[in-house]
Amino acid sequence: MKTIKVSEATKIQLDWLVAKIQGIDLFETEGWHYTDGGRKPYQPSTDWSQGGPIIERERIAVQSPNDKGWYATDYMLKTYESGPTPLIAAMRCYVTSKLGETVEIPKGLL
């Protein structure tokens, strides 16, 4: 395992972390591409049909971009994260709100 900052987590790292929080069993395939129960890719950091419900349920606010990217905060205004896309910012916010600012991921996700 390796410790990383959530604010620097890549798409694949975020997808793995969100799945871990959600209790979704992931299966490793080529290049650390995970699938949800073997049915379809699990990519809440890029797929609105997967990330959108998390944003709605967790009441994450996503703000429009400026020169530094998108911003997201939880409904209690305790967690704030940014990212190059609204989904990445929101998933970073979600992970930080549940696991903290630093997390452990498998070395294969580096």
C-alpha atoms as a PDB file:
ATOM      1  CA  MET A   1       0.000   0.000   0.000  1.00  0.00           C
ATOM      2  CA  LYS A   2       1.072   3.572  -0.659  1.00  0.00           C
ATOM      3  CA  THR A   3      -0.189   6.799   0.947  1.00  0.00           C
ATOM      4  CA  ILE A   4      -1.315   9.628  -1.354  1.00  0.00           C
ATOM      5  CA  LYS A   5      -3.082  12.964  -0.997  1.00  0.00           C
ATOM      6  CA  VAL A   6      -6.684  12.811  -2.216  1.00  0.00           C
ATOM      7  CA  SER A   7      -6.191  16.238  -3.818  1.00  0.00           C
ATOM      8  CA  GLU A   8      -3.666  14.597  -6.166  1.00  0.00           C
ATOM      9  CA  ALA A   9      -5.560  11.362  -6.841  1.00  0.00           C
ATOM     10  CA  THR A  10      -5.877  10.365 -10.492  1.00  0.00           C
ATOM     11  CA  LYS A  11      -9.089   9.137 -12.131  1.00  0.00           C
ATOM     12  CA  ILE A  12      -8.296   5.465 -11.639  1.00  0.00           C
ATOM     13  CA  GLN A  13      -7.251   6.042  -8.034  1.00  0.00           C
ATOM     14  CA  LEU A  14     -10.478   7.951  -7.358  1.00  0.00           C
ATOM     15  CA  ASP A  15     -12.576   5.230  -8.970  1.00  0.00           C
ATOM     16  CA  TRP A  16     -10.936   2.628  -6.725  1.00  0.00           C
ATOM     17  CA  LEU A  17     -11.383   4.783  -3.594  1.00  0.00           C
ATOM     18  CA  VAL A  18     -15.038   5.569  -4.343  1.00  0.00           C
ATOM     19  CA  ALA A  19     -15.747   1.877  -4.939  1.00  0.00           C
ATOM     20  CA  LYS A  20     -14.072   1.050  -1.632  1.00  0.00           C
ATOM     21  CA  ILE A  21     -16.296   3.555   0.197  1.00  0.00           C
ATOM     22  CA  GLN A  22     -19.420   2.293  -1.591  1.00  0.00           C
ATOM     23  CA  GLY A  23     -18.612  -1.331  -0.766  1.00  0.00           C
ATOM     24  CA  ILE A  24     -18.447  -2.297  -4.433  1.00  0.00           C
ATOM     25  CA  ASP A  25     -16.372  -5.342  -5.264  1.00  0.00           C
ATOM     26  CA  LEU A  26     -13.936  -4.516  -8.030  1.00  0.00           C
ATOM     27  CA  PHE A  27     -12.174  -6.908 -10.324  1.00  0.00           C
ATOM     28  CA  GLU A  28      -8.732  -6.214 -11.729  1.00  0.00           C
ATOM     29  CA  THR A  29      -8.290  -6.389 -15.470  1.00  0.00           C
ATOM     30  CA  GLU A  30      -5.561  -5.075 -17.779  1.00  0.00           C
ATOM     31  CA  GLY A  31      -3.999  -1.826 -16.671  1.00  0.00           C
ATOM     32  CA  TRP A  32      -5.899  -1.722 -13.366  1.00  0.00           C
ATOM     33  CA  HIS A  33      -9.200  -1.154 -15.128  1.00  0.00           C
ATOM     34  CA  TYR A  34     -11.919  -2.195 -12.707  1.00  0.00           C
ATOM     35  CA  THR A  35     -15.398  -3.417 -13.449  1.00  0.00           C
ATOM     36  CA  ASP A  36     -18.477  -3.412 -11.239  1.00  0.00           C
ATOM     37  CA  GLY A  37     -19.376  -7.044 -10.742  1.00  0.00           C
ATOM     38  CA  GLY A  38     -17.879  -7.824 -14.139  1.00  0.00           C
ATOM     39  CA  ARG A  39     -20.781  -6.078 -15.873  1.00  0.00           C
ATOM     40  CA  LYS A  40     -19.387  -2.688 -16.843  1.00  0.00           C
ATOM     41  CA  PRO A  41     -16.569  -0.295 -16.019  1.00  0.00           C
ATOM     42  CA  TYR A  42     -16.909   1.466 -12.687  1.00  0.00           C
ATOM     43  CA  GLN A  43     -15.713   5.014 -13.347  1.00  0.00           C
ATOM     44  CA  PRO A  44     -17.560   7.545 -11.172  1.00  0.00           C
ATOM     45  CA  SER A  45     -14.811  10.102 -11.813  1.00  0.00           C
ATOM     46  CA  THR A  46     -15.716  10.205 -15.529  1.00  0.00           C
ATOM     47  CA  ASP A  47     -19.216   8.683 -15.844  1.00  0.00           C
ATOM     48  CA  TRP A  48     -22.101  10.946 -14.791  1.00  0.00           C
ATOM     49  CA  SER A  49     -24.472   7.979 -14.475  1.00  0.00           C
ATOM     50  CA  GLN A  50     -22.232   6.683 -11.659  1.00  0.00           C
ATOM     51  CA  GLY A  51     -20.816   9.883 -10.132  1.00  0.00           C
ATOM     52  CA  GLY A  52     -23.983  11.976 -10.450  1.00  0.00           C
ATOM     53  CA  PRO A  53     -26.040   9.963  -7.938  1.00  0.00           C
ATOM     54  CA  ILE A  54     -23.187  10.231  -5.404  1.00  0.00           C
ATOM     55  CA  ILE A  55     -23.096  14.006  -5.849  1.00  0.00           C
ATOM     56  CA  GLU A  56     -26.872  14.198  -5.384  1.00  0.00           C
ATOM     57  CA  ARG A  57     -27.051  11.803  -2.419  1.00  0.00           C
ATOM     58  CA  GLU A  58     -24.102  13.395  -0.598  1.00  0.00           C
ATOM     59  CA  ARG A  59     -25.265  16.924  -1.500  1.00  0.00           C
ATOM     60  CA  ILE A  60     -21.922  17.921  -2.959  1.00  0.00           C
ATOM     61  CA  ALA A  61     -21.897  21.391  -4.509  1.00  0.00           C
ATOM     62  CA  VAL A  62     -19.810  21.825  -7.641  1.00  0.00           C
ATOM     63  CA  GLN A  63     -18.839  25.330  -8.666  1.00  0.00           C
ATOM     64  CA  SER A  64     -18.023  26.560 -12.133  1.00  0.00           C
ATOM     65  CA  PRO A  65     -14.431  26.625 -13.253  1.00  0.00           C
ATOM     66  CA  ASN A  66     -11.883  29.364 -13.284  1.00  0.00           C
ATOM     67  CA  ASP A  67      -8.225  29.244 -14.266  1.00  0.00           C
ATOM     68  CA  LYS A  68      -7.563  26.621 -11.556  1.00  0.00           C
ATOM     69  CA  GLY A  69     -10.364  24.196 -12.448  1.00  0.00           C
ATOM     70  CA  TRP A  70     -13.591  23.060 -10.798  1.00  0.00           C
ATOM     71  CA  TYR A  71     -14.360  23.191  -7.078  1.00  0.00           C
ATOM     72  CA  ALA A  72     -16.545  20.966  -4.919  1.00  0.00           C
ATOM     73  CA  THR A  73     -17.626  21.130  -1.301  1.00  0.00           C
ATOM     74  CA  ASP A  74     -19.796  18.974   0.927  1.00  0.00           C
ATOM     75  CA  TYR A  75     -23.115  20.321   2.218  1.00  0.00           C
ATOM     76  CA  MET A  76     -21.626  21.120   5.637  1.00  0.00           C
ATOM     77  CA  LEU A  77     -18.850  23.177   3.987  1.00  0.00           C
ATOM     78  CA  LYS A  78     -16.249  21.122   5.871  1.00  0.00           C
ATOM     79  CA  THR A  79     -14.616  19.472   2.858  1.00  0.00           C
ATOM     80  CA  TYR A  80     -13.317  21.317  -0.166  1.00  0.00           C
ATOM     81  CA  GLU A  81     -11.522  19.834  -3.172  1.00  0.00           C
ATOM     82  CA  SER A  82     -10.714  20.874  -6.725  1.00  0.00           C
ATOM     83  CA  GLY A  83     -10.094  19.128 -10.019  1.00  0.00           C
ATOM     84  CA  PRO A  84      -9.870  19.560 -13.777  1.00  0.00           C
ATOM     85  CA  THR A  85     -13.483  18.365 -14.242  1.00  0.00           C
ATOM     86  CA  PRO A  86     -16.622  18.624 -12.101  1.00  0.00           C
ATOM     87  CA  LEU A  87     -16.694  14.862 -11.492  1.00  0.00           C
ATOM     88  CA  ILE A  88     -13.069  14.659 -10.411  1.00  0.00           C
ATOM     89  CA  ALA A  89     -13.534  17.603  -8.023  1.00  0.00           C
ATOM     90  CA  ALA A  90     -16.720  16.040  -6.621  1.00  0.00           C
ATOM     91  CA  MET A  91     -15.225  12.555  -6.202  1.00  0.00           C
ATOM     92  CA  ARG A  92     -12.156  14.021  -4.483  1.00  0.00           C
ATOM     93  CA  CYS A  93     -14.519  15.894  -2.153  1.00  0.00           C
ATOM     94  CA  TYR A  94     -16.497  12.700  -1.476  1.00  0.00           C
ATOM     95  CA  VAL A  95     -13.382  10.634  -0.731  1.00  0.00           C
ATOM     96  CA  THR A  96     -11.902  13.325   1.512  1.00  0.00           C
ATOM     97  CA  SER A  97     -15.169  13.663   3.443  1.00  0.00           C
ATOM     98  CA  LYS A  98     -15.254   9.908   4.095  1.00  0.00           C
ATOM     99  CA  LEU A  99     -11.573   8.935   4.419  1.00  0.00           C
ATOM    100  CA  GLY A 100      -9.608  12.111   5.115  1.00  0.00           C
ATOM    101  CA  GLU A 101      -7.038  14.113   3.167  1.00  0.00           C
ATOM    102  CA  THR A 102      -4.576  11.232   2.803  1.00  0.00           C
ATOM    103  CA  VAL A 103      -5.447   7.659   1.879  1.00  0.00           C
ATOM    104  CA  GLU A 104      -3.775   4.349   1.203  1.00  0.00           C
ATOM    105  CA  ILE A 105      -4.037   2.754  -2.211  1.00  0.00           C
ATOM    106  CA  PRO A 106      -2.484  -0.395  -3.695  1.00  0.00           C
ATOM    107  CA  LYS A 107       0.965   0.203  -5.180  1.00  0.00           C
ATOM    108  CA  GLY A 108      -0.382  -1.038  -8.527  1.00  0.00           C
ATOM    109  CA  LEU A 109      -2.523   2.113  -8.773  1.00  0.00           C
ATOM    110  CA  LEU A 110       0.481   4.452  -8.780  1.00  0.00           C
END
